């Protein structure tokens, strides 16, 4: 397993130039890869026409821990922030098309073959207590899950295997059924789907 706090400064690929973009990256935490080969982590590549490839900037701000389980692709404008005590675990085949954010202060676990469409937000923290509630709670996204554009996944959420979140869906709790489509706020729309 490869580990280095400066890994991202050395290996980020950028579609436009093919060279590392040091100004968009900050890492003081640890990054580990279960295996490493050239281009197994792609940052800034995107074939989706929803963002300006010249102006959208990716952000990697990690002071906690990140574990990457294989090949991943983080599209143009993707923002990753992992706080001091945060742990982000990403499975093989993870893809963000463009301009989505992952904010981790406790633990976010993303399974294999997961797709995030553009403008989605996954956040395990409120950044401050609200009515004496906990500030952070972990998020689990199982294997083979698809988040449509502009989805919001908040602290304490769990999304089961094979699920699809329709565009604009908000998830705030553990979803009950695998292989289903969810929409609105935690609402099951259809069962027994496959994609």
N, C-alpha and C. Protein backbone atom coordinates (compact mmCIF):
# COMPACT_ATOMS: atom_id res chain seq x y z
N UNK A 1 0.85 -1.18 0.00
CA UNK A 1 0.00 0.00 0.00
C UNK A 1 0.89 1.24 0.00
N UNK A 2 0.63 2.15 -0.92
CA UNK A 2 1.39 3.37 -1.04
C UNK A 2 0.80 4.42 -0.12
N UNK A 3 1.65 5.07 0.69
CA UNK A 3 1.18 6.13 1.57
C UNK A 3 2.13 7.31 1.49
N UNK A 4 1.57 8.49 1.35
CA UNK A 4 2.38 9.69 1.35
C UNK A 4 1.50 10.91 1.53
N UNK A 5 1.83 11.80 2.48
CA UNK A 5 1.03 13.01 2.64
C UNK A 5 1.18 13.96 1.46
N UNK A 6 2.23 13.81 0.66
CA UNK A 6 2.43 14.67 -0.49
C UNK A 6 2.02 14.00 -1.79
N UNK A 7 1.38 12.86 -1.70
CA UNK A 7 1.00 12.09 -2.89
C UNK A 7 0.30 12.94 -3.93
N UNK A 8 -0.67 13.76 -3.52
CA UNK A 8 -1.45 14.52 -4.48
C UNK A 8 -0.65 15.61 -5.16
N UNK A 9 0.31 16.15 -4.48
CA UNK A 9 1.15 17.16 -5.11
C UNK A 9 2.02 16.53 -6.18
N UNK A 10 2.30 15.23 -6.07
CA UNK A 10 3.17 14.58 -7.01
C UNK A 10 2.43 13.93 -8.17
N UNK A 11 1.17 13.51 -7.98
CA UNK A 11 0.54 12.65 -8.97
C UNK A 11 -0.78 13.12 -9.56
N UNK A 12 -1.32 14.26 -9.18
CA UNK A 12 -2.59 14.71 -9.76
C UNK A 12 -2.40 14.93 -11.26
N UNK A 13 -3.32 14.39 -12.05
CA UNK A 13 -3.31 14.62 -13.48
C UNK A 13 -4.37 15.66 -13.81
N UNK A 14 -4.08 16.54 -14.74
CA UNK A 14 -5.03 17.56 -15.14
C UNK A 14 -5.27 17.42 -16.64
N UNK A 15 -6.53 17.32 -17.04
CA UNK A 15 -6.87 17.04 -18.44
C UNK A 15 -6.28 18.07 -19.40
N UNK A 16 -6.36 19.33 -19.05
CA UNK A 16 -5.97 20.39 -19.96
C UNK A 16 -4.46 20.41 -20.23
N UNK A 17 -3.65 20.21 -19.20
CA UNK A 17 -2.20 20.37 -19.37
C UNK A 17 -1.42 19.09 -19.21
N UNK A 18 -1.97 18.11 -18.51
CA UNK A 18 -1.24 16.87 -18.30
C UNK A 18 -0.16 16.98 -17.23
N UNK A 19 -0.14 18.09 -16.48
CA UNK A 19 0.86 18.25 -15.43
C UNK A 19 0.17 18.48 -14.09
N UNK A 20 0.92 18.32 -13.01
CA UNK A 20 0.36 18.50 -11.67
C UNK A 20 0.00 19.96 -11.45
N UNK A 21 -1.12 20.19 -10.73
CA UNK A 21 -1.56 21.54 -10.40
C UNK A 21 -1.41 21.72 -8.90
N UNK A 22 -0.28 22.19 -8.49
CA UNK A 22 0.02 22.32 -7.07
C UNK A 22 -0.87 23.34 -6.37
N UNK A 23 -1.27 24.40 -7.02
CA UNK A 23 -2.03 25.46 -6.37
C UNK A 23 -3.45 25.04 -5.97
N UNK A 24 -3.98 23.97 -6.54
CA UNK A 24 -5.33 23.53 -6.23
C UNK A 24 -5.36 22.46 -5.15
N UNK A 25 -4.21 22.09 -4.63
CA UNK A 25 -4.15 20.95 -3.72
C UNK A 25 -3.48 21.30 -2.41
N UNK A 26 -4.03 20.79 -1.32
CA UNK A 26 -3.42 20.95 -0.01
C UNK A 26 -3.61 19.64 0.74
N UNK A 27 -2.54 19.06 1.19
CA UNK A 27 -2.62 17.81 1.93
C UNK A 27 -1.65 17.83 3.09
N UNK A 28 -2.18 17.71 4.31
CA UNK A 28 -1.31 17.51 5.47
C UNK A 28 -1.63 16.18 6.13
N UNK A 29 -2.72 15.54 5.71
CA UNK A 29 -3.12 14.23 6.24
C UNK A 29 -2.50 13.11 5.43
N UNK A 30 -3.00 11.90 5.63
CA UNK A 30 -2.45 10.75 4.93
C UNK A 30 -3.37 10.27 3.82
N UNK A 31 -2.77 9.83 2.74
CA UNK A 31 -3.49 9.25 1.62
C UNK A 31 -2.91 7.87 1.39
N UNK A 32 -3.76 6.85 1.30
CA UNK A 32 -3.25 5.51 1.02
C UNK A 32 -4.00 4.90 -0.15
N UNK A 33 -3.26 4.16 -0.96
CA UNK A 33 -3.81 3.47 -2.11
C UNK A 33 -3.61 1.98 -1.91
N UNK A 34 -4.66 1.19 -2.16
CA UNK A 34 -4.52 -0.25 -2.03
C UNK A 34 -3.63 -0.81 -3.12
N UNK A 35 -3.62 -0.20 -4.28
CA UNK A 35 -2.69 -0.55 -5.35
C UNK A 35 -2.40 0.71 -6.13
N UNK A 36 -1.31 0.74 -6.83
CA UNK A 36 -0.98 1.95 -7.57
C UNK A 36 -0.46 1.59 -8.95
N UNK A 37 -1.03 2.24 -9.94
CA UNK A 37 -0.51 2.23 -11.29
C UNK A 37 -0.78 3.61 -11.88
N UNK A 38 -0.05 4.00 -12.87
CA UNK A 38 -0.20 5.31 -13.46
C UNK A 38 -1.64 5.54 -13.88
N UNK A 39 -2.15 6.70 -13.57
CA UNK A 39 -3.51 7.15 -13.91
C UNK A 39 -4.61 6.37 -13.20
N UNK A 40 -4.31 5.73 -12.07
CA UNK A 40 -5.37 5.06 -11.32
C UNK A 40 -6.24 6.07 -10.59
N UNK A 41 -5.69 7.24 -10.31
CA UNK A 41 -6.47 8.33 -9.73
C UNK A 41 -6.41 9.48 -10.72
N UNK A 42 -7.56 9.81 -11.28
CA UNK A 42 -7.63 10.89 -12.28
C UNK A 42 -8.42 12.04 -11.69
N UNK A 43 -7.83 13.22 -11.69
CA UNK A 43 -8.42 14.40 -11.07
C UNK A 43 -8.51 15.49 -12.14
N UNK A 44 -9.72 15.94 -12.45
CA UNK A 44 -9.87 17.03 -13.39
C UNK A 44 -10.26 16.60 -14.79
N UNK A 45 -10.50 15.32 -15.02
CA UNK A 45 -10.94 14.85 -16.33
C UNK A 45 -12.46 14.79 -16.31
N UNK A 46 -13.08 15.29 -17.36
CA UNK A 46 -14.53 15.26 -17.40
C UNK A 46 -15.01 15.37 -18.83
N UNK A 47 -15.97 14.52 -19.20
CA UNK A 47 -16.56 14.59 -20.51
C UNK A 47 -17.94 15.21 -20.47
N UNK A 48 -18.36 15.70 -19.30
CA UNK A 48 -19.69 16.26 -19.12
C UNK A 48 -19.65 17.74 -19.47
N UNK A 49 -20.63 18.19 -20.25
CA UNK A 49 -20.65 19.58 -20.69
C UNK A 49 -21.33 20.53 -19.74
N UNK A 50 -21.24 20.29 -18.44
CA UNK A 50 -21.93 21.15 -17.46
C UNK A 50 -21.01 22.15 -16.80
N UNK A 51 -19.73 22.15 -17.16
CA UNK A 51 -18.82 23.11 -16.52
C UNK A 51 -17.82 23.64 -17.54
N UNK A 52 -17.27 24.78 -17.22
CA UNK A 52 -16.28 25.43 -18.07
C UNK A 52 -14.92 24.79 -17.78
N UNK A 53 -14.42 24.01 -18.72
CA UNK A 53 -13.16 23.29 -18.53
C UNK A 53 -11.98 24.24 -18.32
N UNK A 54 -12.11 25.50 -18.73
CA UNK A 54 -11.02 26.44 -18.56
C UNK A 54 -11.01 27.09 -17.18
N UNK A 55 -12.17 27.18 -16.54
CA UNK A 55 -12.27 27.95 -15.30
C UNK A 55 -12.56 27.13 -14.05
N UNK A 56 -13.22 26.00 -14.17
CA UNK A 56 -13.55 25.19 -13.00
C UNK A 56 -12.28 24.62 -12.38
N UNK A 57 -12.12 24.79 -11.08
CA UNK A 57 -10.93 24.31 -10.39
C UNK A 57 -11.31 23.24 -9.40
N UNK A 58 -10.51 22.20 -9.36
CA UNK A 58 -10.69 21.15 -8.38
C UNK A 58 -10.03 21.57 -7.07
N UNK A 59 -10.50 20.98 -5.96
CA UNK A 59 -9.90 21.28 -4.66
C UNK A 59 -9.68 19.97 -3.91
N UNK A 60 -8.50 19.81 -3.37
CA UNK A 60 -8.16 18.66 -2.53
C UNK A 60 -7.58 19.23 -1.25
N UNK A 61 -8.37 19.24 -0.17
CA UNK A 61 -7.94 19.80 1.10
C UNK A 61 -8.09 18.71 2.14
N UNK A 62 -6.99 18.04 2.47
CA UNK A 62 -7.05 16.87 3.33
C UNK A 62 -6.09 17.06 4.50
N UNK A 63 -6.65 17.02 5.72
CA UNK A 63 -5.81 16.97 6.91
C UNK A 63 -6.11 15.71 7.71
N UNK A 64 -7.12 14.95 7.30
CA UNK A 64 -7.45 13.66 7.91
C UNK A 64 -6.85 12.53 7.08
N UNK A 65 -7.62 11.43 6.93
CA UNK A 65 -7.13 10.27 6.19
C UNK A 65 -8.04 9.96 5.00
N UNK A 66 -7.42 9.55 3.90
CA UNK A 66 -8.14 9.11 2.72
C UNK A 66 -7.59 7.76 2.30
N UNK A 67 -8.48 6.79 2.03
CA UNK A 67 -8.07 5.47 1.54
C UNK A 67 -8.78 5.22 0.22
N UNK A 68 -8.00 4.98 -0.83
CA UNK A 68 -8.54 4.77 -2.16
C UNK A 68 -8.33 3.31 -2.55
N UNK A 69 -9.43 2.63 -2.93
CA UNK A 69 -9.39 1.20 -3.17
C UNK A 69 -9.20 0.79 -4.61
N UNK A 70 -8.76 1.67 -5.49
CA UNK A 70 -8.55 1.29 -6.89
C UNK A 70 -8.63 2.50 -7.79
N UNK A 71 -9.12 2.29 -9.01
CA UNK A 71 -9.22 3.36 -9.99
C UNK A 71 -10.39 4.28 -9.67
N UNK A 72 -10.12 5.59 -9.63
CA UNK A 72 -11.19 6.57 -9.41
C UNK A 72 -11.00 7.74 -10.37
N UNK A 73 -12.09 8.43 -10.67
CA UNK A 73 -12.04 9.60 -11.53
C UNK A 73 -12.84 10.72 -10.88
N UNK A 74 -12.16 11.83 -10.62
CA UNK A 74 -12.79 13.00 -9.99
C UNK A 74 -12.83 14.11 -11.03
N UNK A 75 -14.01 14.39 -11.56
CA UNK A 75 -14.16 15.30 -12.68
C UNK A 75 -13.82 16.75 -12.36
N UNK A 76 -13.82 17.55 -13.39
CA UNK A 76 -13.50 18.97 -13.31
C UNK A 76 -14.33 19.65 -12.23
N UNK A 77 -13.69 20.43 -11.35
CA UNK A 77 -14.39 21.18 -10.32
C UNK A 77 -14.77 20.38 -9.09
N UNK A 78 -14.33 19.13 -8.98
CA UNK A 78 -14.62 18.32 -7.79
C UNK A 78 -13.88 18.89 -6.59
N UNK A 79 -14.57 18.94 -5.45
CA UNK A 79 -13.98 19.47 -4.23
C UNK A 79 -14.04 18.41 -3.14
N UNK A 80 -12.88 18.09 -2.58
CA UNK A 80 -12.77 17.11 -1.51
C UNK A 80 -12.16 17.82 -0.30
N UNK A 81 -12.84 17.73 0.85
CA UNK A 81 -12.32 18.32 2.08
C UNK A 81 -12.47 17.29 3.20
N UNK A 82 -11.35 16.93 3.82
CA UNK A 82 -11.35 15.97 4.92
C UNK A 82 -10.69 16.64 6.12
N UNK A 83 -11.47 16.82 7.20
CA UNK A 83 -10.97 17.47 8.41
C UNK A 83 -9.99 16.60 9.18
N UNK A 84 -9.41 17.16 10.24
CA UNK A 84 -8.37 16.49 11.04
C UNK A 84 -8.76 15.09 11.49
N UNK A 85 -9.98 14.90 11.97
CA UNK A 85 -10.39 13.59 12.47
C UNK A 85 -11.22 12.82 11.45
N UNK A 86 -11.31 13.32 10.22
CA UNK A 86 -12.12 12.69 9.19
C UNK A 86 -11.42 11.52 8.52
N UNK A 87 -12.24 10.58 8.04
CA UNK A 87 -11.73 9.44 7.27
C UNK A 87 -12.64 9.24 6.07
N UNK A 88 -12.06 9.35 4.88
CA UNK A 88 -12.77 9.15 3.63
C UNK A 88 -12.27 7.87 2.98
N UNK A 89 -13.18 6.92 2.73
CA UNK A 89 -12.83 5.64 2.11
C UNK A 89 -13.57 5.57 0.78
N UNK A 90 -12.81 5.39 -0.30
CA UNK A 90 -13.38 5.39 -1.65
C UNK A 90 -13.07 4.06 -2.32
N UNK A 91 -14.10 3.38 -2.83
CA UNK A 91 -13.93 2.09 -3.50
C UNK A 91 -13.52 2.22 -4.96
N UNK A 92 -13.14 1.10 -5.55
CA UNK A 92 -12.71 1.02 -6.94
C UNK A 92 -13.87 1.40 -7.87
N UNK A 93 -13.56 2.11 -8.95
CA UNK A 93 -14.56 2.46 -9.94
C UNK A 93 -15.41 3.66 -9.58
N UNK A 94 -15.01 4.43 -8.56
CA UNK A 94 -15.75 5.63 -8.17
C UNK A 94 -15.55 6.72 -9.22
N UNK A 95 -16.63 7.43 -9.57
CA UNK A 95 -16.55 8.48 -10.58
C UNK A 95 -17.43 9.66 -10.18
N UNK A 96 -16.85 10.85 -10.24
CA UNK A 96 -17.60 12.10 -10.10
C UNK A 96 -17.52 12.78 -11.45
N UNK A 97 -18.67 13.09 -12.07
CA UNK A 97 -18.62 13.68 -13.40
C UNK A 97 -18.07 15.10 -13.38
N UNK A 98 -18.56 15.95 -12.49
CA UNK A 98 -18.06 17.32 -12.41
C UNK A 98 -18.68 18.05 -11.23
N UNK A 99 -17.95 19.01 -10.69
CA UNK A 99 -18.43 20.02 -9.75
C UNK A 99 -19.22 19.49 -8.56
N UNK A 100 -18.83 18.39 -7.99
CA UNK A 100 -19.48 17.90 -6.78
C UNK A 100 -18.53 18.03 -5.60
N UNK A 101 -19.09 17.98 -4.38
CA UNK A 101 -18.28 18.17 -3.18
C UNK A 101 -18.49 17.04 -2.19
N UNK A 102 -17.39 16.65 -1.55
CA UNK A 102 -17.42 15.70 -0.44
C UNK A 102 -16.74 16.38 0.74
N UNK A 103 -17.49 16.57 1.84
CA UNK A 103 -16.95 17.21 3.04
C UNK A 103 -17.04 16.20 4.17
N UNK A 104 -15.89 15.82 4.70
CA UNK A 104 -15.81 14.73 5.67
C UNK A 104 -15.12 15.19 6.95
N UNK A 105 -15.84 15.16 8.07
CA UNK A 105 -15.25 15.47 9.37
C UNK A 105 -15.26 14.27 10.30
N UNK A 106 -16.03 13.23 9.97
CA UNK A 106 -16.05 12.01 10.76
C UNK A 106 -15.66 10.82 9.89
N UNK A 107 -16.62 10.26 9.16
CA UNK A 107 -16.30 9.13 8.26
C UNK A 107 -17.32 9.07 7.14
N UNK A 108 -16.81 9.00 5.92
CA UNK A 108 -17.64 8.77 4.74
C UNK A 108 -17.03 7.57 4.03
N UNK A 109 -17.87 6.56 3.80
CA UNK A 109 -17.43 5.37 3.09
C UNK A 109 -18.24 5.24 1.81
N UNK A 110 -17.53 5.18 0.68
CA UNK A 110 -18.15 5.09 -0.64
C UNK A 110 -17.72 3.76 -1.24
N UNK A 111 -18.69 2.93 -1.65
CA UNK A 111 -18.41 1.60 -2.17
C UNK A 111 -17.83 1.60 -3.57
N UNK A 112 -17.82 0.41 -4.18
CA UNK A 112 -17.29 0.22 -5.52
C UNK A 112 -18.34 0.60 -6.56
N UNK A 113 -17.85 1.05 -7.73
CA UNK A 113 -18.70 1.37 -8.88
C UNK A 113 -19.82 2.35 -8.53
N UNK A 114 -19.45 3.43 -7.86
CA UNK A 114 -20.40 4.48 -7.48
C UNK A 114 -20.20 5.67 -8.40
N UNK A 115 -21.31 6.27 -8.83
CA UNK A 115 -21.28 7.41 -9.72
C UNK A 115 -21.98 8.60 -9.09
N UNK A 116 -21.31 9.75 -9.04
CA UNK A 116 -21.91 11.01 -8.62
C UNK A 116 -22.04 11.88 -9.86
N UNK A 117 -23.25 12.30 -10.19
CA UNK A 117 -23.43 13.28 -11.27
C UNK A 117 -23.03 14.65 -10.75
N UNK A 118 -23.14 15.66 -11.61
CA UNK A 118 -22.64 16.99 -11.26
C UNK A 118 -23.46 17.67 -10.17
N UNK A 119 -22.80 18.61 -9.49
CA UNK A 119 -23.40 19.48 -8.47
C UNK A 119 -24.00 18.75 -7.27
N UNK A 120 -23.49 17.59 -6.92
CA UNK A 120 -23.97 16.88 -5.73
C UNK A 120 -23.10 17.23 -4.53
N UNK A 121 -23.66 17.10 -3.33
CA UNK A 121 -22.95 17.39 -2.09
C UNK A 121 -23.16 16.25 -1.11
N UNK A 122 -22.06 15.70 -0.62
CA UNK A 122 -22.09 14.67 0.42
C UNK A 122 -21.34 15.26 1.60
N UNK A 123 -22.02 15.40 2.77
CA UNK A 123 -21.44 16.12 3.89
C UNK A 123 -21.85 15.46 5.21
N UNK A 124 -20.87 15.02 5.99
CA UNK A 124 -21.17 14.32 7.25
C UNK A 124 -21.13 15.23 8.47
N UNK A 125 -21.20 16.52 8.27
CA UNK A 125 -21.13 17.46 9.38
C UNK A 125 -22.05 18.66 9.16
N UNK A 126 -22.47 19.26 10.28
CA UNK A 126 -23.20 20.53 10.24
C UNK A 126 -22.26 21.69 10.54
N UNK A 127 -21.03 21.38 10.93
CA UNK A 127 -20.00 22.35 11.33
C UNK A 127 -20.26 22.98 12.69
N UNK A 128 -21.47 22.86 13.24
CA UNK A 128 -21.79 23.40 14.56
C UNK A 128 -23.02 22.66 15.09
N UNK A 129 -23.19 22.59 16.42
CA UNK A 129 -24.37 21.90 16.95
C UNK A 129 -25.65 22.70 16.69
N UNK A 130 -26.74 21.96 16.45
CA UNK A 130 -28.05 22.57 16.28
C UNK A 130 -28.98 21.90 17.28
N UNK A 131 -29.57 22.66 18.20
CA UNK A 131 -30.46 22.11 19.23
C UNK A 131 -29.85 20.91 19.96
N UNK A 132 -28.62 21.06 20.38
CA UNK A 132 -27.88 20.03 21.12
C UNK A 132 -27.72 18.71 20.36
N UNK A 133 -27.83 18.71 19.04
CA UNK A 133 -27.61 17.49 18.26
C UNK A 133 -26.11 17.33 18.00
N UNK A 134 -25.71 16.13 17.59
CA UNK A 134 -24.30 15.91 17.28
C UNK A 134 -23.94 16.70 16.02
N UNK A 135 -22.70 17.13 15.97
CA UNK A 135 -22.23 17.93 14.85
C UNK A 135 -22.00 17.07 13.62
N UNK A 136 -21.44 15.86 13.82
CA UNK A 136 -21.09 14.97 12.72
C UNK A 136 -21.64 13.58 12.95
N UNK A 137 -21.90 12.86 11.87
CA UNK A 137 -22.30 11.46 11.92
C UNK A 137 -21.90 10.83 10.58
N UNK A 138 -21.44 9.60 10.62
CA UNK A 138 -20.89 8.97 9.43
C UNK A 138 -21.93 8.75 8.33
N UNK A 139 -21.42 8.60 7.11
CA UNK A 139 -22.24 8.33 5.93
C UNK A 139 -21.70 7.06 5.28
N UNK A 140 -22.62 6.19 4.85
CA UNK A 140 -22.23 4.98 4.13
C UNK A 140 -22.98 4.93 2.80
N UNK A 141 -22.24 4.83 1.71
CA UNK A 141 -22.82 4.66 0.38
C UNK A 141 -22.32 3.32 -0.13
N UNK A 142 -23.23 2.37 -0.33
CA UNK A 142 -22.86 1.00 -0.70
C UNK A 142 -22.39 0.93 -2.16
N UNK A 143 -22.06 -0.28 -2.61
CA UNK A 143 -21.61 -0.52 -3.97
C UNK A 143 -22.72 -0.22 -4.98
N UNK A 144 -22.31 0.18 -6.19
CA UNK A 144 -23.18 0.35 -7.35
C UNK A 144 -24.37 1.28 -7.05
N UNK A 145 -24.03 2.50 -6.63
CA UNK A 145 -25.03 3.53 -6.33
C UNK A 145 -24.82 4.69 -7.30
N UNK A 146 -25.91 5.28 -7.75
CA UNK A 146 -25.86 6.40 -8.69
C UNK A 146 -26.59 7.58 -8.08
N UNK A 147 -25.86 8.69 -7.87
CA UNK A 147 -26.45 9.94 -7.43
C UNK A 147 -26.67 10.81 -8.65
N UNK A 148 -27.93 11.15 -8.93
CA UNK A 148 -28.23 12.05 -10.04
C UNK A 148 -27.73 13.46 -9.72
N UNK A 149 -27.87 14.37 -10.65
CA UNK A 149 -27.36 15.72 -10.43
C UNK A 149 -28.07 16.42 -9.27
N UNK A 150 -27.32 17.25 -8.59
CA UNK A 150 -27.80 18.10 -7.50
C UNK A 150 -28.41 17.33 -6.33
N UNK A 151 -27.84 16.17 -6.01
CA UNK A 151 -28.28 15.42 -4.84
C UNK A 151 -27.58 15.94 -3.60
N UNK A 152 -28.22 15.76 -2.46
CA UNK A 152 -27.68 16.19 -1.17
C UNK A 152 -27.76 14.99 -0.22
N UNK A 153 -26.60 14.54 0.26
CA UNK A 153 -26.53 13.42 1.21
C UNK A 153 -25.92 13.96 2.49
N UNK A 154 -26.69 13.94 3.59
CA UNK A 154 -26.27 14.58 4.83
C UNK A 154 -25.89 13.56 5.90
N UNK A 155 -25.35 14.05 7.01
CA UNK A 155 -24.84 13.22 8.10
C UNK A 155 -25.86 12.16 8.53
N UNK A 156 -25.33 10.96 8.86
CA UNK A 156 -26.17 9.87 9.32
C UNK A 156 -26.86 9.09 8.22
N UNK A 157 -26.60 9.43 6.96
CA UNK A 157 -27.25 8.75 5.84
C UNK A 157 -26.57 7.43 5.51
N UNK A 158 -27.36 6.51 4.99
CA UNK A 158 -26.86 5.24 4.49
C UNK A 158 -27.67 4.88 3.25
N UNK A 159 -26.97 4.66 2.15
CA UNK A 159 -27.62 4.36 0.88
C UNK A 159 -27.28 2.93 0.50
N UNK A 160 -28.29 2.05 0.35
CA UNK A 160 -28.04 0.63 0.10
C UNK A 160 -27.60 0.35 -1.34
N UNK A 161 -27.06 -0.84 -1.55
CA UNK A 161 -26.52 -1.28 -2.83
C UNK A 161 -27.55 -1.20 -3.96
N UNK A 162 -27.07 -0.77 -5.14
CA UNK A 162 -27.90 -0.74 -6.33
C UNK A 162 -28.91 0.39 -6.39
N UNK A 163 -28.84 1.32 -5.45
CA UNK A 163 -29.81 2.42 -5.39
C UNK A 163 -29.49 3.51 -6.41
N UNK A 164 -30.52 4.23 -6.81
CA UNK A 164 -30.39 5.40 -7.67
C UNK A 164 -31.09 6.55 -6.96
N UNK A 165 -30.41 7.69 -6.85
CA UNK A 165 -31.03 8.90 -6.31
C UNK A 165 -31.37 9.80 -7.49
N UNK A 166 -32.65 10.09 -7.67
CA UNK A 166 -33.09 10.96 -8.76
C UNK A 166 -32.51 12.36 -8.57
N UNK A 167 -32.47 13.13 -9.64
CA UNK A 167 -31.94 14.49 -9.58
C UNK A 167 -32.63 15.28 -8.47
N UNK A 168 -31.85 16.00 -7.67
CA UNK A 168 -32.39 16.86 -6.62
C UNK A 168 -32.81 16.16 -5.35
N UNK A 169 -32.50 14.88 -5.19
CA UNK A 169 -32.89 14.14 -4.00
C UNK A 169 -32.08 14.56 -2.78
N UNK A 170 -32.73 14.59 -1.61
CA UNK A 170 -32.06 14.84 -0.33
C UNK A 170 -32.20 13.59 0.53
N UNK A 171 -31.07 13.12 1.08
CA UNK A 171 -31.06 11.95 1.95
C UNK A 171 -30.53 12.38 3.32
N UNK A 172 -31.29 12.05 4.38
CA UNK A 172 -30.92 12.46 5.74
C UNK A 172 -30.92 11.29 6.72
N UNK A 173 -31.14 10.07 6.23
CA UNK A 173 -31.24 8.92 7.14
C UNK A 173 -30.82 7.64 6.41
N UNK A 174 -30.92 6.53 7.10
CA UNK A 174 -30.63 5.23 6.49
C UNK A 174 -31.82 4.83 5.61
N UNK A 175 -31.54 4.57 4.33
CA UNK A 175 -32.59 4.15 3.41
C UNK A 175 -32.84 2.65 3.58
N UNK A 176 -34.10 2.21 3.50
CA UNK A 176 -34.44 0.84 3.87
C UNK A 176 -34.22 -0.23 2.82
N UNK A 177 -34.28 0.11 1.53
CA UNK A 177 -34.36 -0.94 0.52
C UNK A 177 -33.30 -0.76 -0.57
N UNK A 178 -32.60 -1.86 -0.88
CA UNK A 178 -31.61 -1.87 -1.96
C UNK A 178 -32.33 -1.93 -3.31
N UNK A 179 -31.59 -1.63 -4.38
CA UNK A 179 -32.10 -1.72 -5.74
C UNK A 179 -33.41 -0.96 -5.92
N UNK A 180 -33.42 0.29 -5.45
CA UNK A 180 -34.61 1.13 -5.54
C UNK A 180 -34.22 2.52 -6.01
N UNK A 181 -35.20 3.25 -6.52
CA UNK A 181 -35.00 4.65 -6.88
C UNK A 181 -35.59 5.50 -5.76
N UNK A 182 -34.83 6.50 -5.33
CA UNK A 182 -35.30 7.42 -4.29
C UNK A 182 -35.35 8.83 -4.88
N UNK A 183 -36.30 9.63 -4.42
CA UNK A 183 -36.44 11.00 -4.87
C UNK A 183 -36.96 11.87 -3.73
N UNK A 184 -37.09 13.16 -3.98
CA UNK A 184 -37.58 14.07 -2.95
C UNK A 184 -36.70 14.02 -1.71
N UNK A 185 -37.32 13.91 -0.54
CA UNK A 185 -36.58 13.79 0.72
C UNK A 185 -36.83 12.39 1.28
N UNK A 186 -35.84 11.51 1.15
CA UNK A 186 -35.88 10.14 1.68
C UNK A 186 -37.06 9.31 1.16
N UNK A 187 -37.61 9.62 0.02
CA UNK A 187 -38.82 8.95 -0.47
C UNK A 187 -38.48 7.90 -1.53
N UNK A 188 -38.96 6.67 -1.31
CA UNK A 188 -38.78 5.60 -2.30
C UNK A 188 -39.80 5.83 -3.41
N UNK A 189 -39.29 5.81 -4.66
CA UNK A 189 -40.13 6.06 -5.83
C UNK A 189 -40.46 4.76 -6.55
N UNK A 190 -39.49 3.85 -6.63
CA UNK A 190 -39.70 2.59 -7.34
C UNK A 190 -38.78 1.52 -6.74
N UNK A 191 -39.25 0.27 -6.74
CA UNK A 191 -38.48 -0.87 -6.20
C UNK A 191 -38.00 -1.78 -7.32
N UNK A 192 -37.14 -2.71 -6.96
CA UNK A 192 -36.67 -3.77 -7.86
C UNK A 192 -36.13 -3.23 -9.19
N UNK A 193 -35.21 -2.27 -9.11
CA UNK A 193 -34.61 -1.74 -10.33
C UNK A 193 -33.22 -2.33 -10.51
N UNK A 194 -32.71 -2.25 -11.71
CA UNK A 194 -31.31 -2.59 -11.95
C UNK A 194 -30.77 -1.59 -12.98
N UNK A 195 -29.53 -1.31 -12.87
CA UNK A 195 -28.90 -0.39 -13.80
C UNK A 195 -27.46 -0.83 -14.03
